[in-house]
Structures are given as structure tokens and as C-alpha cells.
């Protein structure tokens, strides 16, 4: 990714920390230390899962995201270890069905 581009730029495959808020992305690969990979897997961040960045704290702090139906906060450095591909498909996993 070009260093002049900020969070929210469209990329083919990039770290989760570079995805714009509200843009769905599919997890492609997890990297980093085994401890971080185990933690992310336990929290539901797995390959082929759809993630969405819901918010960011100022100054490069934690990132609020939704992975599947789970909401979690991860450090920006950990989010950078999650390689994702932006998607255009809308996920309705968080929407309750009409009864």
C-alpha cells in the first residue's frame, strides 16, 4: 500500500487496520506471533470470516470491529496482522430474521 494513503483507502489485500470504517472485508490470512494468532482465532477472527471496522480510537489506539456476530476491540498492531480483502457483499449475520 502506498504510504501516502491513509486508513480507508481501497486495497486489494491489506491489514485490517487499513480498512475504512463500515467497509466489509473477508479475512484471508492471520500472521504474527503464535500468541496473537491463537487470541484472534479464539475471538472469532478466522480465515473466510467477514469483518467490519466499526470505530477507531484517536492516536492509533484500539480498533472496534465485528467479526461474524462478535464485537471486539483489538490493538492496531494486532489488526495489522490480519490480512483482509475488501468485499462488496452485504453480510446480514447481525440482522435478526423477521418472525
PDB file of N, CA and C in Angstrom:
ATOM      1  N   UNK A   1       0.840  -1.178   0.000  1.00  0.00           N
ATOM      2  CA  UNK A   1       0.000   0.000   0.000  1.00  0.00           C
ATOM      3  C   UNK A   1       0.884   1.239   0.000  1.00  0.00           C
ATOM      4  N   UNK A   2       0.477   2.260  -0.686  1.00  0.00           N
ATOM      5  CA  UNK A   2       1.236   3.500  -0.772  1.00  0.00           C
ATOM      6  C   UNK A   2       1.256   4.197   0.586  1.00  0.00           C
ATOM      7  N   UNK A   3       2.433   4.658   1.052  1.00  0.00           N
ATOM      8  CA  UNK A   3       2.496   5.310   2.359  1.00  0.00           C
ATOM      9  C   UNK A   3       1.699   6.605   2.443  1.00  0.00           C
ATOM     10  N   UNK A   4       1.366   7.195   1.294  1.00  0.00           N
ATOM     11  CA  UNK A   4       0.585   8.427   1.299  1.00  0.00           C
ATOM     12  C   UNK A   4      -0.903   8.175   1.483  1.00  0.00           C
ATOM     13  N   UNK A   5      -1.317   6.911   1.353  1.00  0.00           N
ATOM     14  CA  UNK A   5      -2.719   6.579   1.519  1.00  0.00           C
ATOM     15  C   UNK A   5      -2.993   6.341   2.996  1.00  0.00           C
ATOM     16  N   UNK A   6      -4.126   6.805   3.465  1.00  0.00           N
ATOM     17  CA  UNK A   6      -4.479   6.654   4.873  1.00  0.00           C
ATOM     18  C   UNK A   6      -5.491   5.546   5.071  1.00  0.00           C
ATOM     19  N   UNK A   7      -5.960   5.360   6.308  1.00  0.00           N
ATOM     20  CA  UNK A   7      -6.996   4.369   6.556  1.00  0.00           C
ATOM     21  C   UNK A   7      -8.219   4.694   5.718  1.00  0.00           C
ATOM     22  N   UNK A   8      -8.807   3.671   5.157  1.00  0.00           N
ATOM     23  CA  UNK A   8      -9.990   3.880   4.351  1.00  0.00           C
ATOM     24  C   UNK A   8      -9.731   3.776   2.864  1.00  0.00           C
ATOM     25  N   UNK A   9      -8.488   3.706   2.464  1.00  0.00           N
ATOM     26  CA  UNK A   9      -8.180   3.552   1.057  1.00  0.00           C
ATOM     27  C   UNK A   9      -8.542   2.139   0.627  1.00  0.00           C
ATOM     28  N   UNK A  10      -8.931   1.999  -0.630  1.00  0.00           N
ATOM     29  CA  UNK A  10      -9.287   0.678  -1.137  1.00  0.00           C
ATOM     30  C   UNK A  10      -8.011  -0.049  -1.523  1.00  0.00           C
ATOM     31  N   UNK A  11      -7.870  -1.284  -1.066  1.00  0.00           N
ATOM     32  CA  UNK A  11      -6.687  -2.072  -1.380  1.00  0.00           C
ATOM     33  C   UNK A  11      -7.135  -3.451  -1.824  1.00  0.00           C
ATOM     34  N   UNK A  12      -6.266  -4.146  -2.542  1.00  0.00           N
ATOM     35  CA  UNK A  12      -6.595  -5.498  -2.973  1.00  0.00           C
ATOM     36  C   UNK A  12      -6.516  -6.456  -1.807  1.00  0.00           C
ATOM     37  N   UNK A  13      -5.419  -6.397  -1.058  1.00  0.00           N
ATOM     38  CA  UNK A  13      -5.267  -7.186   0.155  1.00  0.00           C
ATOM     39  C   UNK A  13      -4.380  -6.380   1.097  1.00  0.00           C
ATOM     40  N   UNK A  14      -4.868  -6.100   2.298  1.00  0.00           N
ATOM     41  CA  UNK A  14      -4.122  -5.262   3.234  1.00  0.00           C
ATOM     42  C   UNK A  14      -4.478  -5.646   4.664  1.00  0.00           C
ATOM     43  N   UNK A  15      -3.844  -4.993   5.604  1.00  0.00           N
ATOM     44  CA  UNK A  15      -4.119  -5.245   7.008  1.00  0.00           C
ATOM     45  C   UNK A  15      -5.476  -4.680   7.408  1.00  0.00           C
ATOM     46  N   UNK A  16      -6.099  -5.299   8.384  1.00  0.00           N
ATOM     47  CA  UNK A  16      -7.412  -4.858   8.850  1.00  0.00           C
ATOM     48  C   UNK A  16      -7.364  -3.435   9.389  1.00  0.00           C
ATOM     49  N   UNK A  17      -6.204  -3.002   9.857  1.00  0.00           N
ATOM     50  CA  UNK A  17      -6.062  -1.643  10.369  1.00  0.00           C
ATOM     51  C   UNK A  17      -6.136  -0.592   9.269  1.00  0.00           C
ATOM     52  N   UNK A  18      -6.079  -0.983   7.999  1.00  0.00           N
ATOM     53  CA  UNK A  18      -6.110  -0.050   6.876  1.00  0.00           C
ATOM     54  C   UNK A  18      -7.482   0.044   6.217  1.00  0.00           C
ATOM     55  N   UNK A  19      -8.452  -0.697   6.718  1.00  0.00           N
ATOM     56  CA  UNK A  19      -9.791  -0.719   6.127  1.00  0.00           C
ATOM     57  C   UNK A  19     -10.619   0.424   6.689  1.00  0.00           C
ATOM     58  N   UNK A  20     -11.423   1.041   5.841  1.00  0.00           N
ATOM     59  CA  UNK A  20     -12.288   2.142   6.269  1.00  0.00           C
ATOM     60  C   UNK A  20     -13.410   1.615   7.158  1.00  0.00           C
ATOM     61  N   UNK A  21     -13.872   2.450   8.061  1.00  0.00           N
ATOM     62  CA  UNK A  21     -15.000   2.093   8.923  1.00  0.00           C
ATOM     63  C   UNK A  21     -16.234   1.814   8.060  1.00  0.00           C
ATOM     64  N   UNK A  22     -16.923   0.735   8.374  1.00  0.00           N
ATOM     65  CA  UNK A  22     -18.146   0.381   7.669  1.00  0.00           C
ATOM     66  C   UNK A  22     -17.952  -0.440   6.413  1.00  0.00           C
ATOM     67  N   UNK A  23     -16.724  -0.648   5.973  1.00  0.00           N
ATOM     68  CA  UNK A  23     -16.460  -1.414   4.753  1.00  0.00           C
ATOM     69  C   UNK A  23     -16.253  -2.881   5.116  1.00  0.00           C
ATOM     70  N   UNK A  24     -17.088  -3.792   4.602  1.00  0.00           N
ATOM     71  CA  UNK A  24     -16.888  -5.207   4.924  1.00  0.00           C
ATOM     72  C   UNK A  24     -15.648  -5.756   4.230  1.00  0.00           C
ATOM     73  N   UNK A  25     -14.971  -6.665   4.909  1.00  0.00           N
ATOM     74  CA  UNK A  25     -13.768  -7.293   4.357  1.00  0.00           C
ATOM     75  C   UNK A  25     -13.716  -8.743   4.806  1.00  0.00           C
ATOM     76  N   UNK A  26     -13.194  -9.601   3.949  1.00  0.00           N
ATOM     77  CA  UNK A  26     -13.072 -11.025   4.267  1.00  0.00           C
ATOM     78  C   UNK A  26     -11.639 -11.311   4.698  1.00  0.00           C
ATOM     79  N   UNK A  27     -11.507 -12.024   5.821  1.00  0.00           N
ATOM     80  CA  UNK A  27     -10.180 -12.385   6.329  1.00  0.00           C
ATOM     81  C   UNK A  27      -9.557 -13.403   5.388  1.00  0.00           C
ATOM     82  N   UNK A  28      -8.318 -13.127   4.974  1.00  0.00           N
ATOM     83  CA  UNK A  28      -7.589 -14.023   4.076  1.00  0.00           C
ATOM     84  C   UNK A  28      -6.561 -14.828   4.852  1.00  0.00           C
ATOM     85  N   UNK A  29      -5.809 -14.153   5.758  1.00  0.00           N
ATOM     86  CA  UNK A  29      -4.730 -14.843   6.464  1.00  0.00           C
ATOM     87  C   UNK A  29      -4.418 -14.117   7.761  1.00  0.00           C
ATOM     88  N   UNK A  30      -4.030 -14.881   8.773  1.00  0.00           N
ATOM     89  CA  UNK A  30      -3.558 -14.319  10.037  1.00  0.00           C
ATOM     90  C   UNK A  30      -2.058 -14.522  10.108  1.00  0.00           C
ATOM     91  N   UNK A  31      -1.354 -13.500  10.544  1.00  0.00           N
ATOM     92  CA  UNK A  31       0.092 -13.631  10.718  1.00  0.00           C
ATOM     93  C   UNK A  31       0.445 -13.070  12.086  1.00  0.00           C
ATOM     94  N   UNK A  32       1.704 -13.072  12.416  1.00  0.00           N
ATOM     95  CA  UNK A  32       2.128 -12.564  13.715  1.00  0.00           C
ATOM     96  C   UNK A  32       2.601 -13.687  14.620  1.00  0.00           C
ATOM     97  N   UNK A  33       2.769 -13.361  15.884  1.00  0.00           N
ATOM     98  CA  UNK A  33       3.258 -14.357  16.834  1.00  0.00           C
ATOM     99  C   UNK A  33       2.168 -15.390  17.097  1.00  0.00           C
ATOM    100  N   UNK A  34       2.566 -16.607  17.487  1.00  0.00           N
ATOM    101  CA  UNK A  34       1.554 -17.636  17.777  1.00  0.00           C
ATOM    102  C   UNK A  34       0.550 -17.197  18.843  1.00  0.00           C
ATOM    103  N   UNK A  35       0.996 -16.430  19.828  1.00  0.00           N
ATOM    104  CA  UNK A  35       0.094 -15.963  20.888  1.00  0.00           C
ATOM    105  C   UNK A  35      -1.009 -15.078  20.310  1.00  0.00           C
ATOM    106  N   UNK A  36      -0.642 -14.166  19.415  1.00  0.00           N
ATOM    107  CA  UNK A  36      -1.628 -13.269  18.803  1.00  0.00           C
ATOM    108  C   UNK A  36      -2.571 -14.051  17.897  1.00  0.00           C
ATOM    109  N   UNK A  37      -2.025 -14.978  17.109  1.00  0.00           N
ATOM    110  CA  UNK A  37      -2.865 -15.779  16.208  1.00  0.00           C
ATOM    111  C   UNK A  37      -3.871 -16.589  17.019  1.00  0.00           C
ATOM    112  N   UNK A  38      -3.429 -17.225  18.115  1.00  0.00           N
ATOM    113  CA  UNK A  38      -4.353 -18.006  18.963  1.00  0.00           C
ATOM    114  C   UNK A  38      -5.444 -17.114  19.547  1.00  0.00           C
ATOM    115  N   UNK A  39      -5.067 -15.919  19.990  1.00  0.00           N
ATOM    116  CA  UNK A  39      -6.047 -14.993  20.576  1.00  0.00           C
ATOM    117  C   UNK A  39      -7.082 -14.585  19.539  1.00  0.00           C
ATOM    118  N   UNK A  40      -6.635 -14.232  18.333  1.00  0.00           N
ATOM    119  CA  UNK A  40      -7.565 -13.821  17.290  1.00  0.00           C
ATOM    120  C   UNK A  40      -8.494 -14.964  16.891  1.00  0.00           C
ATOM    121  N   UNK A  41      -7.958 -16.174  16.784  1.00  0.00           N
ATOM    122  CA  UNK A  41      -8.790 -17.330  16.456  1.00  0.00           C
ATOM    123  C   UNK A  41      -9.836 -17.572  17.544  1.00  0.00           C
ATOM    124  N   UNK A  42      -9.432 -17.451  18.809  1.00  0.00           N
ATOM    125  CA  UNK A  42     -10.356 -17.650  19.927  1.00  0.00           C
ATOM    126  C   UNK A  42     -11.464 -16.593  19.935  1.00  0.00           C
ATOM    127  N   UNK A  43     -11.161 -15.398  19.454  1.00  0.00           N
ATOM    128  CA  UNK A  43     -12.143 -14.322  19.418  1.00  0.00           C
ATOM    129  C   UNK A  43     -13.045 -14.386  18.177  1.00  0.00           C
ATOM    130  N   UNK A  44     -12.797 -15.323  17.274  1.00  0.00           N
ATOM    131  CA  UNK A  44     -13.646 -15.487  16.098  1.00  0.00           C
ATOM    132  C   UNK A  44     -13.116 -14.867  14.832  1.00  0.00           C
ATOM    133  N   UNK A  45     -11.900 -14.358  14.861  1.00  0.00           N
ATOM    134  CA  UNK A  45     -11.292 -13.791  13.652  1.00  0.00           C
ATOM    135  C   UNK A  45     -10.567 -14.937  12.963  1.00  0.00           C
ATOM    136  N   UNK A  46     -11.207 -15.504  11.947  1.00  0.00           N
ATOM    137  CA  UNK A  46     -10.688 -16.679  11.235  1.00  0.00           C
ATOM    138  C   UNK A  46     -10.693 -16.419   9.731  1.00  0.00           C
ATOM    139  N   UNK A  47      -9.852 -17.149   8.998  1.00  0.00           N
ATOM    140  CA  UNK A  47      -9.895 -17.011   7.541  1.00  0.00           C
ATOM    141  C   UNK A  47     -11.299 -17.292   7.015  1.00  0.00           C
ATOM    142  N   UNK A  48     -11.731 -16.526   6.057  1.00  0.00           N
ATOM    143  CA  UNK A  48     -13.036 -16.533   5.385  1.00  0.00           C
ATOM    144  C   UNK A  48     -14.140 -15.859   6.190  1.00  0.00           C
ATOM    145  N   UNK A  49     -13.855 -15.372   7.400  1.00  0.00           N
ATOM    146  CA  UNK A  49     -14.844 -14.636   8.187  1.00  0.00           C
ATOM    147  C   UNK A  49     -14.951 -13.208   7.644  1.00  0.00           C
ATOM    148  N   UNK A  50     -16.158 -12.678   7.606  1.00  0.00           N
ATOM    149  CA  UNK A  50     -16.358 -11.296   7.204  1.00  0.00           C
ATOM    150  C   UNK A  50     -16.188 -10.403   8.425  1.00  0.00           C
ATOM    151  N   UNK A  51     -15.340  -9.390   8.299  1.00  0.00           N
ATOM    152  CA  UNK A  51     -15.086  -8.424   9.371  1.00  0.00           C
ATOM    153  C   UNK A  51     -15.502  -7.049   8.909  1.00  0.00           C
ATOM    154  N   UNK A  52     -15.778  -6.191   9.888  1.00  0.00           N
ATOM    155  CA  UNK A  52     -16.107  -4.808   9.588  1.00  0.00           C
ATOM    156  C   UNK A  52     -15.557  -3.939  10.713  1.00  0.00           C
ATOM    157  N   UNK A  53     -14.799  -2.917  10.346  1.00  0.00           N
ATOM    158  CA  UNK A  53     -14.284  -1.973  11.335  1.00  0.00           C
ATOM    159  C   UNK A  53     -15.433  -1.040  11.687  1.00  0.00           C
ATOM    160  N   UNK A  54     -15.764  -0.978  12.974  1.00  0.00           N
ATOM    161  CA  UNK A  54     -16.882  -0.152  13.431  1.00  0.00           C
ATOM    162  C   UNK A  54     -16.425   1.191  13.985  1.00  0.00           C
ATOM    163  N   UNK A  55     -15.183   1.253  14.459  1.00  0.00           N
ATOM    164  CA  UNK A  55     -14.688   2.507  15.005  1.00  0.00           C
ATOM    165  C   UNK A  55     -13.214   2.425  15.346  1.00  0.00           C
ATOM    166  N   UNK A  56     -12.600   3.586  15.497  1.00  0.00           N
ATOM    167  CA  UNK A  56     -11.180   3.684  15.839  1.00  0.00           C
ATOM    168  C   UNK A  56     -11.028   4.689  16.971  1.00  0.00           C
ATOM    169  N   UNK A  57     -10.066   4.446  17.838  1.00  0.00           N
ATOM    170  CA  UNK A  57      -9.758   5.430  18.867  1.00  0.00           C
ATOM    171  C   UNK A  57      -8.707   6.377  18.304  1.00  0.00           C
ATOM    172  N   UNK A  58      -8.704   7.617  18.769  1.00  0.00           N
ATOM    173  CA  UNK A  58      -7.719   8.568  18.258  1.00  0.00           C
ATOM    174  C   UNK A  58      -6.298   8.173  18.644  1.00  0.00           C
ATOM    175  N   UNK A  59      -5.362   8.566  17.829  1.00  0.00           N
ATOM    176  CA  UNK A  59      -3.954   8.329  18.136  1.00  0.00           C
ATOM    177  C   UNK A  59      -3.474   6.917  17.882  1.00  0.00           C
ATOM    178  N   UNK A  60      -4.165   6.158  17.062  1.00  0.00           N
ATOM    179  CA  UNK A  60      -3.706   4.813  16.718  1.00  0.00           C
ATOM    180  C   UNK A  60      -3.944   3.777  17.797  1.00  0.00           C
ATOM    181  N   UNK A  61      -4.943   3.991  18.643  1.00  0.00           N
ATOM    182  CA  UNK A  61      -5.273   3.045  19.707  1.00  0.00           C
ATOM    183  C   UNK A  61      -6.083   1.869  19.189  1.00  0.00           C
ATOM    184  N   UNK A  62      -6.816   1.198  20.080  1.00  0.00           N
ATOM    185  CA  UNK A  62      -7.590   0.011  19.687  1.00  0.00           C
ATOM    186  C   UNK A  62      -8.633   0.292  18.609  1.00  0.00           C
ATOM    187  N   UNK A  63      -8.950  -0.763  17.885  1.00  0.00           N
ATOM    188  CA  UNK A  63      -9.931  -0.703  16.803  1.00  0.00           C
ATOM    189  C   UNK A  63     -11.122  -1.562  17.205  1.00  0.00           C
ATOM    190  N   UNK A  64     -12.335  -1.011  17.074  1.00  0.00           N
ATOM    191  CA  UNK A  64     -13.566  -1.748  17.364  1.00  0.00           C
ATOM    192  C   UNK A  64     -14.011  -2.417  16.071  1.00  0.00           C
ATOM    193  N   UNK A  65     -14.170  -3.739  16.111  1.00  0.00           N
ATOM    194  CA  UNK A  65     -14.591  -4.432  14.902  1.00  0.00           C
ATOM    195  C   UNK A  65     -15.608  -5.506  15.198  1.00  0.00           C
ATOM    196  N   UNK A  66     -16.266  -5.923  14.144  1.00  0.00           N
ATOM    197  CA  UNK A  66     -17.218  -7.032  14.204  1.00  0.00           C
ATOM    198  C   UNK A  66     -16.672  -8.124  13.316  1.00  0.00           C
ATOM    199  N   UNK A  67     -16.506  -9.299  13.889  1.00  0.00           N
ATOM    200  CA  UNK A  67     -16.056 -10.477  13.134  1.00  0.00           C
ATOM    201  C   UNK A  67     -17.179 -11.499  13.221  1.00  0.00           C
ATOM    202  N   UNK A  68     -17.888 -11.694  12.114  1.00  0.00           N
ATOM    203  CA  UNK A  68     -19.069 -12.545  12.171  1.00  0.00           C
ATOM    204  C   UNK A  68     -20.124 -11.838  13.007  1.00  0.00           C
ATOM    205  N   UNK A  69     -20.529 -12.447  14.125  1.00  0.00           N
ATOM    206  CA  UNK A  69     -21.519 -11.823  15.003  1.00  0.00           C
ATOM    207  C   UNK A  69     -20.902 -11.331  16.308  1.00  0.00           C
ATOM    208  N   UNK A  70     -19.565 -11.366  16.415  1.00  0.00           N
ATOM    209  CA  UNK A  70     -18.870 -10.979  17.636  1.00  0.00           C
ATOM    210  C   UNK A  70     -18.296  -9.576  17.500  1.00  0.00           C
ATOM    211  N   UNK A  71     -18.505  -8.747  18.512  1.00  0.00           N
ATOM    212  CA  UNK A  71     -17.907  -7.411  18.564  1.00  0.00           C
ATOM    213  C   UNK A  71     -16.692  -7.485  19.473  1.00  0.00           C
ATOM    214  N   UNK A  72     -15.567  -6.908  19.043  1.00  0.00           N
ATOM    215  CA  UNK A  72     -14.361  -6.939  19.855  1.00  0.00           C
ATOM    216  C   UNK A  72     -13.492  -5.729  19.582  1.00  0.00           C
ATOM    217  N   UNK A  73     -12.564  -5.507  20.498  1.00  0.00           N
ATOM    218  CA  UNK A  73     -11.573  -4.437  20.361  1.00  0.00           C
ATOM    219  C   UNK A  73     -10.215  -5.114  20.229  1.00  0.00           C
ATOM    220  N   UNK A  74      -9.423  -4.689  19.249  1.00  0.00           N
ATOM    221  CA  UNK A  74      -8.070  -5.224  19.085  1.00  0.00           C
ATOM    222  C   UNK A  74      -7.099  -4.062  18.937  1.00  0.00           C
ATOM    223  N   UNK A  75      -5.878  -4.294  19.333  1.00  0.00           N
ATOM    224  CA  UNK A  75      -4.834  -3.285  19.147  1.00  0.00           C
ATOM    225  C   UNK A  75      -4.609  -3.073  17.652  1.00  0.00           C
ATOM    226  N   UNK A  76      -4.240  -1.865  17.286  1.00  0.00           N
ATOM    227  CA  UNK A  76      -3.966  -1.565  15.877  1.00  0.00           C
ATOM    228  C   UNK A  76      -2.846  -2.456  15.351  1.00  0.00           C
ATOM    229  N   UNK A  77      -1.849  -2.751  16.195  1.00  0.00           N
ATOM    230  CA  UNK A  77      -0.744  -3.617  15.768  1.00  0.00           C
ATOM    231  C   UNK A  77      -1.228  -5.042  15.502  1.00  0.00           C
ATOM    232  N   UNK A  78      -2.208  -5.516  16.269  1.00  0.00           N
ATOM    233  CA  UNK A  78      -2.768  -6.850  16.034  1.00  0.00           C
ATOM    234  C   UNK A  78      -3.651  -6.848  14.790  1.00  0.00           C
ATOM    235  N   UNK A  79      -4.400  -5.776  14.578  1.00  0.00           N
ATOM    236  CA  UNK A  79      -5.247  -5.675  13.386  1.00  0.00           C
ATOM    237  C   UNK A  79      -4.398  -5.661  12.115  1.00  0.00           C
ATOM    238  N   UNK A  80      -3.193  -5.124  12.204  1.00  0.00           N
ATOM    239  CA  UNK A  80      -2.297  -5.106  11.047  1.00  0.00           C
ATOM    240  C   UNK A  80      -1.870  -6.515  10.652  1.00  0.00           C
ATOM    241  N   UNK A  81      -1.925  -7.455  11.588  1.00  0.00           N
ATOM    242  CA  UNK A  81      -1.534  -8.847  11.322  1.00  0.00           C
ATOM    243  C   UNK A  81      -2.651  -9.654  10.661  1.00  0.00           C
ATOM    244  N   UNK A  82      -3.839  -9.070  10.539  1.00  0.00           N
ATOM    245  CA  UNK A  82      -4.982  -9.732   9.902  1.00  0.00           C
ATOM    246  C   UNK A  82      -5.071  -9.222   8.473  1.00  0.00           C
ATOM    247  N   UNK A  83      -4.710 -10.067   7.514  1.00  0.00           N
ATOM    248  CA  UNK A  83      -4.771  -9.676   6.103  1.00  0.00           C
ATOM    249  C   UNK A  83      -6.176  -9.930   5.576  1.00  0.00           C
ATOM    250  N   UNK A  84      -6.766  -8.890   4.984  1.00  0.00           N
ATOM    251  CA  UNK A  84      -8.141  -8.973   4.507  1.00  0.00           C
ATOM    252  C   UNK A  84      -8.250  -8.490   3.074  1.00  0.00           C
ATOM    253  N   UNK A  85      -9.359  -8.858   2.443  1.00  0.00           N
ATOM    254  CA  UNK A  85      -9.724  -8.374   1.110  1.00  0.00           C
ATOM    255  C   UNK A  85     -11.054  -7.662   1.244  1.00  0.00           C
ATOM    256  N   UNK A  86     -11.142  -6.391   0.862  1.00  0.00           N
ATOM    257  CA  UNK A  86     -12.440  -5.700   0.913  1.00  0.00           C
ATOM    258  C   UNK A  86     -13.452  -6.406   0.016  1.00  0.00           C
ATOM    259  N   UNK A  87     -14.681  -6.470   0.466  1.00  0.00           N
ATOM    260  CA  UNK A  87     -15.747  -7.092  -0.317  1.00  0.00           C
ATOM    261  C   UNK A  87     -16.871  -6.092  -0.484  1.00  0.00           C
ATOM    262  N   UNK A  88     -17.717  -6.359  -1.449  1.00  0.00           N
ATOM    263  CA  UNK A  88     -18.878  -5.508  -1.658  1.00  0.00           C
ATOM    264  C   UNK A  88     -20.140  -6.191  -1.189  1.00  0.00           C
ATOM    265  N   UNK A  89     -20.028  -7.452  -0.802  1.00  0.00           N
ATOM    266  CA  UNK A  89     -21.215  -8.176  -0.363  1.00  0.00           C
ATOM    267  C   UNK A  89     -21.654  -7.686   1.006  1.00  0.00           C
ATOM    268  N   UNK A  90     -22.951  -7.615   1.179  1.00  0.00           N
ATOM    269  CA  UNK A  90     -23.518  -7.205   2.456  1.00  0.00           C
ATOM    270  C   UNK A  90     -23.759  -8.454   3.288  1.00  0.00           C
ATOM    271  N   UNK A  91     -23.284  -8.435   4.511  1.00  0.00           N
ATOM    272  CA  UNK A  91     -23.495  -9.546   5.426  1.00  0.00           C
ATOM    273  C   UNK A  91     -24.699  -9.234   6.295  1.00  0.00           C
ATOM    274  N   UNK A  92     -25.623 -10.187   6.402  1.00  0.00           N
ATOM    275  CA  UNK A  92     -26.784  -9.963   7.249  1.00  0.00           C
ATOM    276  C   UNK A  92     -26.731 -10.836   8.490  1.00  0.00           C
ATOM    277  N   UNK A  93     -25.515 -11.252   8.888  1.00  0.00           N
ATOM    278  CA  UNK A  93     -25.361 -12.106  10.055  1.00  0.00           C
ATOM    279  C   UNK A  93     -25.841 -11.423  11.321  1.00  0.00           C
ATOM    280  N   UNK A  94     -25.724 -10.088  11.398  1.00  0.00           N
ATOM    281  CA  UNK A  94     -26.101  -9.364  12.606  1.00  0.00           C
ATOM    282  C   UNK A  94     -27.549  -8.925  12.609  1.00  0.00           C
ATOM    283  N   UNK A  95     -28.298  -9.245  11.542  1.00  0.00           N
ATOM    284  CA  UNK A  95     -29.687  -8.852  11.439  1.00  0.00           C
ATOM    285  C   UNK A  95     -30.563 -10.030  11.863  1.00  0.00           C
ATOM    286  N   UNK A  96     -31.499  -9.766  12.765  1.00  0.00           N
ATOM    287  CA  UNK A  96     -32.415 -10.813  13.202  1.00  0.00           C
ATOM    288  C   UNK A  96     -33.435 -11.075  12.113  1.00  0.00           C
ATOM    289  N   UNK A  97     -33.786 -12.343  11.880  1.00  0.00           N
ATOM    290  CA  UNK A  97     -34.792 -12.634  10.867  1.00  0.00           C
ATOM    291  C   UNK A  97     -36.167 -12.147  11.315  1.00  0.00           C
ATOM    292  N   UNK A  98     -36.994 -11.830  10.366  1.00  0.00           N
ATOM    293  CA  UNK A  98     -38.359 -11.388  10.655  1.00  0.00           C
ATOM    294  C   UNK A  98     -39.167 -12.626  11.013  1.00  0.00           C
ATOM    295  N   UNK A  99     -39.855 -12.568  12.130  1.00  0.00           N
ATOM    296  CA  UNK A  99     -40.663 -13.717  12.568  1.00  0.00           C
ATOM    297  C   UNK A  99     -42.098 -13.551  12.193  1.00  0.00           C
TER     298      UNK A  99
END
